[in-house]
Amino acid sequence: MSSIRGEAYALCKSVWVSPSIADLKSAYNNIHSTWFEYHIRQFDAQFLAYLLLDERLDELNQHTMPPIPHLLDYERRLLADAHHQLVA
């Protein structure tokens, strides 16, 4: 019998043994040692990231199944307000 935990572990393990793992590690390390990460930290962009993702969701959903639903208007406002409060 398989479990969600077991399936998730198997999926993660498959990434680690993938031929592209070196490229993935390199890209990850570059992102976390660059201006990109600096600005995410400086601007507490965790809220902003949701808004940016929502903005590009139609494009991303071409590769996602099931599709990720868009944020509701009030959710967008809440996230935008929270982001503005953090960076004010």
PDB file of N, CA and C in Angstrom:
ATOM      1  N   MET A   1       0.841  -1.178   0.000  1.00  0.00           N
ATOM      2  CA  MET A   1       0.000   0.000   0.000  1.00  0.00           C
ATOM      3  C   MET A   1       0.890   1.247   0.000  1.00  0.00           C
ATOM      4  N   SER A   2       0.610   2.163  -0.884  1.00  0.00           N
ATOM      5  CA  SER A   2       1.403   3.385  -0.940  1.00  0.00           C
ATOM      6  C   SER A   2       0.719   4.481  -0.132  1.00  0.00           C
ATOM      7  N   SER A   3       1.537   5.411   0.301  1.00  0.00           N
ATOM      8  CA  SER A   3       1.005   6.539   1.058  1.00  0.00           C
ATOM      9  C   SER A   3       1.437   7.831   0.376  1.00  0.00           C
ATOM     10  N   ILE A   4       0.770   8.911   0.733  1.00  0.00           N
ATOM     11  CA  ILE A   4       1.156  10.213   0.178  1.00  0.00           C
ATOM     12  C   ILE A   4       2.594  10.519   0.568  1.00  0.00           C
ATOM     13  N   ARG A   5       2.945  10.228   1.809  1.00  0.00           N
ATOM     14  CA  ARG A   5       4.310  10.481   2.281  1.00  0.00           C
ATOM     15  C   ARG A   5       5.321   9.676   1.459  1.00  0.00           C
ATOM     16  N   GLY A   6       5.005   8.427   1.225  1.00  0.00           N
ATOM     17  CA  GLY A   6       5.890   7.568   0.446  1.00  0.00           C
ATOM     18  C   GLY A   6       6.031   8.043  -0.993  1.00  0.00           C
ATOM     19  N   GLU A   7       4.911   8.463  -1.576  1.00  0.00           N
ATOM     20  CA  GLU A   7       4.935   8.971  -2.947  1.00  0.00           C
ATOM     21  C   GLU A   7       5.722  10.274  -3.035  1.00  0.00           C
ATOM     22  N   ALA A   8       5.532  11.151  -2.060  1.00  0.00           N
ATOM     23  CA  ALA A   8       6.276  12.418  -2.041  1.00  0.00           C
ATOM     24  C   ALA A   8       7.772  12.154  -1.889  1.00  0.00           C
ATOM     25  N   TYR A   9       8.129  11.223  -1.026  1.00  0.00           N
ATOM     26  CA  TYR A   9       9.536  10.871  -0.836  1.00  0.00           C
ATOM     27  C   TYR A   9      10.125  10.327  -2.138  1.00  0.00           C
ATOM     28  N   ALA A  10       9.392   9.449  -2.791  1.00  0.00           N
ATOM     29  CA  ALA A  10       9.874   8.874  -4.056  1.00  0.00           C
ATOM     30  C   ALA A  10      10.069   9.953  -5.113  1.00  0.00           C
ATOM     31  N   LEU A  11       9.136  10.898  -5.166  1.00  0.00           N
ATOM     32  CA  LEU A  11       9.250  11.987  -6.126  1.00  0.00           C
ATOM     33  C   LEU A  11      10.485  12.844  -5.831  1.00  0.00           C
ATOM     34  N   CYS A  12      10.662  13.216  -4.566  1.00  0.00           N
ATOM     35  CA  CYS A  12      11.845  14.009  -4.186  1.00  0.00           C
ATOM     36  C   CYS A  12      13.126  13.244  -4.478  1.00  0.00           C
ATOM     37  N   LYS A  13      13.136  11.985  -4.177  1.00  0.00           N
ATOM     38  CA  LYS A  13      14.312  11.148  -4.423  1.00  0.00           C
ATOM     39  C   LYS A  13      14.622  11.099  -5.924  1.00  0.00           C
ATOM     40  N   SER A  14      13.592  11.070  -6.760  1.00  0.00           N
ATOM     41  CA  SER A  14      13.820  11.020  -8.202  1.00  0.00           C
ATOM     42  C   SER A  14      14.495  12.291  -8.698  1.00  0.00           C
ATOM     43  N   VAL A  15      14.201  13.418  -8.056  1.00  0.00           N
ATOM     44  CA  VAL A  15      14.859  14.675  -8.429  1.00  0.00           C
ATOM     45  C   VAL A  15      16.341  14.593  -8.093  1.00  0.00           C
ATOM     46  N   TRP A  16      16.663  14.061  -6.919  1.00  0.00           N
ATOM     47  CA  TRP A  16      18.066  13.994  -6.484  1.00  0.00           C
ATOM     48  C   TRP A  16      18.917  13.078  -7.356  1.00  0.00           C
ATOM     49  N   VAL A  17      18.317  12.088  -7.997  1.00  0.00           N
ATOM     50  CA  VAL A  17      19.097  11.191  -8.860  1.00  0.00           C
ATOM     51  C   VAL A  17      18.964  11.548 -10.336  1.00  0.00           C
ATOM     52  N   SER A  18      18.260  12.624 -10.608  1.00  0.00           N
ATOM     53  CA  SER A  18      18.067  13.077 -11.975  1.00  0.00           C
ATOM     54  C   SER A  18      19.395  13.521 -12.593  1.00  0.00           C
ATOM     55  N   PRO A  19      19.570  13.293 -13.898  1.00  0.00           N
ATOM     56  CA  PRO A  19      20.792  13.756 -14.569  1.00  0.00           C
ATOM     57  C   PRO A  19      20.960  15.279 -14.508  1.00  0.00           C
ATOM     58  N   SER A  20      19.877  16.009 -14.299  1.00  0.00           N
ATOM     59  CA  SER A  20      19.964  17.471 -14.278  1.00  0.00           C
ATOM     60  C   SER A  20      20.152  18.032 -12.871  1.00  0.00           C
ATOM     61  N   ILE A  21      20.428  17.193 -11.887  1.00  0.00           N
ATOM     62  CA  ILE A  21      20.534  17.672 -10.510  1.00  0.00           C
ATOM     63  C   ILE A  21      21.660  18.690 -10.344  1.00  0.00           C
ATOM     64  N   ALA A  22      22.763  18.526 -11.017  1.00  0.00           N
ATOM     65  CA  ALA A  22      23.867  19.485 -10.895  1.00  0.00           C
ATOM     66  C   ALA A  22      23.436  20.865 -11.398  1.00  0.00           C
ATOM     67  N   ASP A  23      22.726  20.894 -12.521  1.00  0.00           N
ATOM     68  CA  ASP A  23      22.234  22.173 -13.048  1.00  0.00           C
ATOM     69  C   ASP A  23      21.204  22.789 -12.103  1.00  0.00           C
ATOM     70  N   LEU A  24      20.339  21.962 -11.546  1.00  0.00           N
ATOM     71  CA  LEU A  24      19.329  22.437 -10.617  1.00  0.00           C
ATOM     72  C   LEU A  24      19.982  23.030  -9.361  1.00  0.00           C
ATOM     73  N   LYS A  25      20.961  22.332  -8.815  1.00  0.00           N
ATOM     74  CA  LYS A  25      21.673  22.841  -7.630  1.00  0.00           C
ATOM     75  C   LYS A  25      22.362  24.161  -7.946  1.00  0.00           C
ATOM     76  N   SER A  26      22.969  24.237  -9.094  1.00  0.00           N
ATOM     77  CA  SER A  26      23.666  25.455  -9.488  1.00  0.00           C
ATOM     78  C   SER A  26      22.696  26.623  -9.616  1.00  0.00           C
ATOM     79  N   ALA A  27      21.577  26.401 -10.286  1.00  0.00           N
ATOM     80  CA  ALA A  27      20.576  27.460 -10.446  1.00  0.00           C
ATOM     81  C   ALA A  27      20.032  27.886  -9.090  1.00  0.00           C
ATOM     82  N   TYR A  28      19.753  26.921  -8.236  1.00  0.00           N
ATOM     83  CA  TYR A  28      19.244  27.219  -6.896  1.00  0.00           C
ATOM     84  C   TYR A  28      20.253  28.049  -6.106  1.00  0.00           C
ATOM     85  N   ASN A  29      21.509  27.637  -6.139  1.00  0.00           N
ATOM     86  CA  ASN A  29      22.551  28.375  -5.417  1.00  0.00           C
ATOM     87  C   ASN A  29      22.738  29.771  -5.987  1.00  0.00           C
ATOM     88  N   ASN A  30      22.653  29.919  -7.301  1.00  0.00           N
ATOM     89  CA  ASN A  30      22.789  31.240  -7.919  1.00  0.00           C
ATOM     90  C   ASN A  30      21.650  32.163  -7.506  1.00  0.00           C
ATOM     91  N   ILE A  31      20.442  31.637  -7.479  1.00  0.00           N
ATOM     92  CA  ILE A  31      19.293  32.437  -7.077  1.00  0.00           C
ATOM     93  C   ILE A  31      19.454  32.892  -5.629  1.00  0.00           C
ATOM     94  N   HIS A  32      19.946  32.001  -4.778  1.00  0.00           N
ATOM     95  CA  HIS A  32      20.053  32.314  -3.359  1.00  0.00           C
ATOM     96  C   HIS A  32      21.316  33.084  -3.007  1.00  0.00           C
ATOM     97  N   SER A  33      22.082  33.439  -3.983  1.00  0.00           N
ATOM     98  CA  SER A  33      23.271  34.241  -3.685  1.00  0.00           C
ATOM     99  C   SER A  33      23.307  35.493  -4.555  1.00  0.00           C
ATOM    100  N   THR A  34      22.153  35.893  -5.020  1.00  0.00           N
ATOM    101  CA  THR A  34      22.096  37.016  -5.950  1.00  0.00           C
ATOM    102  C   THR A  34      21.211  38.124  -5.449  1.00  0.00           C
ATOM    103  N   TRP A  35      21.104  39.107  -6.240  1.00  0.00           N
ATOM    104  CA  TRP A  35      20.239  40.251  -6.043  1.00  0.00           C
ATOM    105  C   TRP A  35      18.814  39.816  -5.840  1.00  0.00           C
ATOM    106  N   PHE A  36      18.400  38.767  -6.549  1.00  0.00           N
ATOM    107  CA  PHE A  36      17.019  38.290  -6.461  1.00  0.00           C
ATOM    108  C   PHE A  36      16.671  37.948  -5.019  1.00  0.00           C
ATOM    109  N   GLU A  37      17.486  37.133  -4.399  1.00  0.00           N
ATOM    110  CA  GLU A  37      17.217  36.755  -3.012  1.00  0.00           C
ATOM    111  C   GLU A  37      17.338  37.958  -2.091  1.00  0.00           C
ATOM    112  N   TYR A  38      18.310  38.796  -2.333  1.00  0.00           N
ATOM    113  CA  TYR A  38      18.495  39.991  -1.505  1.00  0.00           C
ATOM    114  C   TYR A  38      17.207  40.814  -1.478  1.00  0.00           C
ATOM    115  N   HIS A  39      16.625  41.043  -2.643  1.00  0.00           N
ATOM    116  CA  HIS A  39      15.421  41.851  -2.713  1.00  0.00           C
ATOM    117  C   HIS A  39      14.211  41.147  -2.117  1.00  0.00           C
ATOM    118  N   ILE A  40      14.130  39.857  -2.296  1.00  0.00           N
ATOM    119  CA  ILE A  40      13.030  39.123  -1.670  1.00  0.00           C
ATOM    120  C   ILE A  40      13.110  39.303  -0.156  1.00  0.00           C
ATOM    121  N   ARG A  41      14.294  39.182   0.400  1.00  0.00           N
ATOM    122  CA  ARG A  41      14.458  39.351   1.853  1.00  0.00           C
ATOM    123  C   ARG A  41      14.221  40.799   2.273  1.00  0.00           C
ATOM    124  N   GLN A  42      14.795  41.723   1.539  1.00  0.00           N
ATOM    125  CA  GLN A  42      14.692  43.133   1.902  1.00  0.00           C
ATOM    126  C   GLN A  42      13.249  43.623   1.879  1.00  0.00           C
ATOM    127  N   PHE A  43      12.480  43.135   0.931  1.00  0.00           N
ATOM    128  CA  PHE A  43      11.118  43.625   0.763  1.00  0.00           C
ATOM    129  C   PHE A  43      10.069  42.673   1.317  1.00  0.00           C
ATOM    130  N   ASP A  44      10.519  41.667   2.081  1.00  0.00           N
ATOM    131  CA  ASP A  44       9.561  40.693   2.607  1.00  0.00           C
ATOM    132  C   ASP A  44       8.584  40.279   1.517  1.00  0.00           C
ATOM    133  N   ALA A  45       9.139  39.822   0.416  1.00  0.00           N
ATOM    134  CA  ALA A  45       8.362  39.603  -0.804  1.00  0.00           C
ATOM    135  C   ALA A  45       7.567  38.311  -0.825  1.00  0.00           C
ATOM    136  N   GLN A  46       7.456  37.637   0.321  1.00  0.00           N
ATOM    137  CA  GLN A  46       6.650  36.426   0.291  1.00  0.00           C
ATOM    138  C   GLN A  46       5.213  36.734  -0.114  1.00  0.00           C
ATOM    139  N   PHE A  47       4.677  37.881   0.278  1.00  0.00           N
ATOM    140  CA  PHE A  47       3.328  38.254  -0.142  1.00  0.00           C
ATOM    141  C   PHE A  47       3.320  38.669  -1.604  1.00  0.00           C
ATOM    142  N   LEU A  48       4.318  39.418  -1.995  1.00  0.00           N
ATOM    143  CA  LEU A  48       4.426  39.867  -3.373  1.00  0.00           C
ATOM    144  C   LEU A  48       4.568  38.680  -4.326  1.00  0.00           C
ATOM    145  N   ALA A  49       5.254  37.644  -3.899  1.00  0.00           N
ATOM    146  CA  ALA A  49       5.446  36.464  -4.750  1.00  0.00           C
ATOM    147  C   ALA A  49       4.112  35.831  -5.124  1.00  0.00           C
ATOM    148  N   TYR A  50       3.164  35.792  -4.197  1.00  0.00           N
ATOM    149  CA  TYR A  50       1.841  35.254  -4.527  1.00  0.00           C
ATOM    150  C   TYR A  50       1.164  36.092  -5.612  1.00  0.00           C
ATOM    151  N   LEU A  51       1.309  37.401  -5.504  1.00  0.00           N
ATOM    152  CA  LEU A  51       0.693  38.286  -6.502  1.00  0.00           C
ATOM    153  C   LEU A  51       1.350  38.122  -7.867  1.00  0.00           C
ATOM    154  N   LEU A  52       2.658  37.990  -7.877  1.00  0.00           N
ATOM    155  CA  LEU A  52       3.368  37.790  -9.143  1.00  0.00           C
ATOM    156  C   LEU A  52       3.006  36.454  -9.772  1.00  0.00           C
ATOM    157  N   LEU A  53       2.896  35.427  -8.951  1.00  0.00           N
ATOM    158  CA  LEU A  53       2.490  34.118  -9.454  1.00  0.00           C
ATOM    159  C   LEU A  53       1.082  34.187 -10.040  1.00  0.00           C
ATOM    160  N   ASP A  54       0.178  34.840  -9.329  1.00  0.00           N
ATOM    161  CA  ASP A  54      -1.194  34.965  -9.814  1.00  0.00           C
ATOM    162  C   ASP A  54      -1.240  35.688 -11.154  1.00  0.00           C
ATOM    163  N   GLU A  55      -0.381  36.691 -11.301  1.00  0.00           N
ATOM    164  CA  GLU A  55      -0.327  37.456 -12.548  1.00  0.00           C
ATOM    165  C   GLU A  55       0.062  36.581 -13.737  1.00  0.00           C
ATOM    166  N   ARG A  56       0.901  35.592 -13.513  1.00  0.00           N
ATOM    167  CA  ARG A  56       1.387  34.712 -14.601  1.00  0.00           C
ATOM    168  C   ARG A  56       0.709  33.351 -14.600  1.00  0.00           C
ATOM    169  N   LEU A  57      -0.364  33.211 -13.859  1.00  0.00           N
ATOM    170  CA  LEU A  57      -0.991  31.910 -13.659  1.00  0.00           C
ATOM    171  C   LEU A  57      -1.520  31.273 -14.936  1.00  0.00           C
ATOM    172  N   ASP A  58      -2.067  32.055 -15.843  1.00  0.00           N
ATOM    173  CA  ASP A  58      -2.581  31.467 -17.088  1.00  0.00           C
ATOM    174  C   ASP A  58      -1.466  30.772 -17.854  1.00  0.00           C
ATOM    175  N   GLU A  59      -0.302  31.397 -17.896  1.00  0.00           N
ATOM    176  CA  GLU A  59       0.851  30.788 -18.567  1.00  0.00           C
ATOM    177  C   GLU A  59       1.322  29.542 -17.815  1.00  0.00           C
ATOM    178  N   LEU A  60       1.403  29.634 -16.504  1.00  0.00           N
ATOM    179  CA  LEU A  60       1.860  28.496 -15.702  1.00  0.00           C
ATOM    180  C   LEU A  60       0.887  27.323 -15.770  1.00  0.00           C
ATOM    181  N   ASN A  61      -0.394  27.614 -15.836  1.00  0.00           N
ATOM    182  CA  ASN A  61      -1.391  26.551 -15.859  1.00  0.00           C
ATOM    183  C   ASN A  61      -1.362  25.720 -17.142  1.00  0.00           C
ATOM    184  N   GLN A  62      -0.666  26.186 -18.137  1.00  0.00           N
ATOM    185  CA  GLN A  62      -0.498  25.376 -19.348  1.00  0.00           C
ATOM    186  C   GLN A  62       0.339  24.132 -19.053  1.00  0.00           C
ATOM    187  N   HIS A  63       1.069  24.152 -17.932  1.00  0.00           N
ATOM    188  CA  HIS A  63       1.955  23.047 -17.565  1.00  0.00           C
ATOM    189  C   HIS A  63       1.544  22.414 -16.244  1.00  0.00           C
ATOM    190  N   THR A  64       0.368  22.727 -15.743  1.00  0.00           N
ATOM    191  CA  THR A  64      -0.062  22.268 -14.426  1.00  0.00           C
ATOM    192  C   THR A  64      -1.390  21.551 -14.534  1.00  0.00           C
ATOM    193  N   MET A  65      -1.477  20.430 -13.863  1.00  0.00           N
ATOM    194  CA  MET A  65      -2.732  19.705 -13.843  1.00  0.00           C
ATOM    195  C   MET A  65      -2.952  19.180 -12.455  1.00  0.00           C
ATOM    196  N   PRO A  66      -4.026  19.459 -11.798  1.00  0.00           N
ATOM    197  CA  PRO A  66      -5.097  20.356 -12.216  1.00  0.00           C
ATOM    198  C   PRO A  66      -4.633  21.803 -12.160  1.00  0.00           C
ATOM    199  N   PRO A  67      -5.322  22.692 -12.861  1.00  0.00           N
ATOM    200  CA  PRO A  67      -4.903  24.087 -12.873  1.00  0.00           C
ATOM    201  C   PRO A  67      -5.000  24.723 -11.487  1.00  0.00           C
ATOM    202  N   ILE A  68      -4.115  25.651 -11.235  1.00  0.00           N
ATOM    203  CA  ILE A  68      -4.104  26.397  -9.979  1.00  0.00           C
ATOM    204  C   ILE A  68      -5.111  27.537 -10.127  1.00  0.00           C
ATOM    205  N   PRO A  69      -6.019  27.682  -9.185  1.00  0.00           N
ATOM    206  CA  PRO A  69      -7.011  28.759  -9.315  1.00  0.00           C
ATOM    207  C   PRO A  69      -6.398  30.130  -9.033  1.00  0.00           C
ATOM    208  N   HIS A  70      -6.928  31.128  -9.702  1.00  0.00           N
ATOM    209  CA  HIS A  70      -6.495  32.506  -9.453  1.00  0.00           C
ATOM    210  C   HIS A  70      -6.920  32.935  -8.057  1.00  0.00           C
ATOM    211  N   LEU A  71      -6.194  33.899  -7.532  1.00  0.00           N
ATOM    212  CA  LEU A  71      -6.590  34.510  -6.267  1.00  0.00           C
ATOM    213  C   LEU A  71      -7.901  35.266  -6.462  1.00  0.00           C
ATOM    214  N   LEU A  72      -8.671  35.316  -5.426  1.00  0.00           N
ATOM    215  CA  LEU A  72      -9.883  36.127  -5.455  1.00  0.00           C
ATOM    216  C   LEU A  72      -9.493  37.588  -5.258  1.00  0.00           C
ATOM    217  N   ASP A  73     -10.357  38.507  -5.674  1.00  0.00           N
ATOM    218  CA  ASP A  73     -10.050  39.931  -5.566  1.00  0.00           C
ATOM    219  C   ASP A  73      -9.683  40.338  -4.139  1.00  0.00           C
ATOM    220  N   TYR A  74     -10.457  39.859  -3.172  1.00  0.00           N
ATOM    221  CA  TYR A  74     -10.170  40.254  -1.794  1.00  0.00           C
ATOM    222  C   TYR A  74      -8.845  39.651  -1.320  1.00  0.00           C
ATOM    223  N   GLU A  75      -8.477  38.462  -1.825  1.00  0.00           N
ATOM    224  CA  GLU A  75      -7.184  37.867  -1.472  1.00  0.00           C
ATOM    225  C   GLU A  75      -6.042  38.711  -2.032  1.00  0.00           C
ATOM    226  N   ARG A  76      -6.198  39.186  -3.268  1.00  0.00           N
ATOM    227  CA  ARG A  76      -5.186  40.065  -3.868  1.00  0.00           C
ATOM    228  C   ARG A  76      -5.009  41.331  -3.034  1.00  0.00           C
ATOM    229  N   ARG A  77      -6.130  41.912  -2.638  1.00  0.00           N
ATOM    230  CA  ARG A  77      -6.062  43.143  -1.828  1.00  0.00           C
ATOM    231  C   ARG A  77      -5.379  42.884  -0.487  1.00  0.00           C
ATOM    232  N   LEU A  78      -5.723  41.783   0.159  1.00  0.00           N
ATOM    233  CA  LEU A  78      -5.099  41.451   1.437  1.00  0.00           C
ATOM    234  C   LEU A  78      -3.593  41.274   1.295  1.00  0.00           C
ATOM    235  N   LEU A  79      -3.180  40.550   0.281  1.00  0.00           N
ATOM    236  CA  LEU A  79      -1.751  40.324   0.067  1.00  0.00           C
ATOM    237  C   LEU A  79      -1.028  41.620  -0.282  1.00  0.00           C
ATOM    238  N   ALA A  80      -1.637  42.419  -1.132  1.00  0.00           N
ATOM    239  CA  ALA A  80      -1.023  43.700  -1.497  1.00  0.00           C
ATOM    240  C   ALA A  80      -0.915  44.601  -0.282  1.00  0.00           C
ATOM    241  N   ASP A  81      -1.958  44.659   0.528  1.00  0.00           N
ATOM    242  CA  ASP A  81      -1.917  45.481   1.740  1.00  0.00           C
ATOM    243  C   ASP A  81      -0.852  44.981   2.710  1.00  0.00           C
ATOM    244  N   ALA A  82      -0.758  43.678   2.880  1.00  0.00           N
ATOM    245  CA  ALA A  82       0.253  43.117   3.778  1.00  0.00           C
ATOM    246  C   ALA A  82       1.656  43.451   3.268  1.00  0.00           C
ATOM    247  N   HIS A  83       1.861  43.327   1.960  1.00  0.00           N
ATOM    248  CA  HIS A  83       3.170  43.652   1.400  1.00  0.00           C
ATOM    249  C   HIS A  83       3.494  45.131   1.629  1.00  0.00           C
ATOM    250  N   HIS A  84       2.545  45.995   1.360  1.00  0.00           N
ATOM    251  CA  HIS A  84       2.766  47.432   1.540  1.00  0.00           C
ATOM    252  C   HIS A  84       3.054  47.772   3.002  1.00  0.00           C
ATOM    253  N   GLN A  85       2.379  47.082   3.899  1.00  0.00           N
ATOM    254  CA  GLN A  85       2.615  47.330   5.317  1.00  0.00           C
ATOM    255  C   GLN A  85       4.036  46.919   5.708  1.00  0.00           C
ATOM    256  N   LEU A  86       4.516  45.819   5.156  1.00  0.00           N
ATOM    257  CA  LEU A  86       5.867  45.348   5.482  1.00  0.00           C
ATOM    258  C   LEU A  86       6.948  46.274   4.927  1.00  0.00           C
ATOM    259  N   VAL A  87       6.720  46.836   3.773  1.00  0.00           N
ATOM    260  CA  VAL A  87       7.772  47.647   3.151  1.00  0.00           C
ATOM    261  C   VAL A  87       7.624  49.135   3.459  1.00  0.00           C
ATOM    262  N   ALA A  88       6.556  49.509   4.140  1.00  0.00           N
ATOM    263  CA  ALA A  88       6.340  50.925   4.460  1.00  0.00           C
ATOM    264  C   ALA A  88       7.347  51.422   5.492  1.00  0.00           C
TER     265      ALA A  88
END
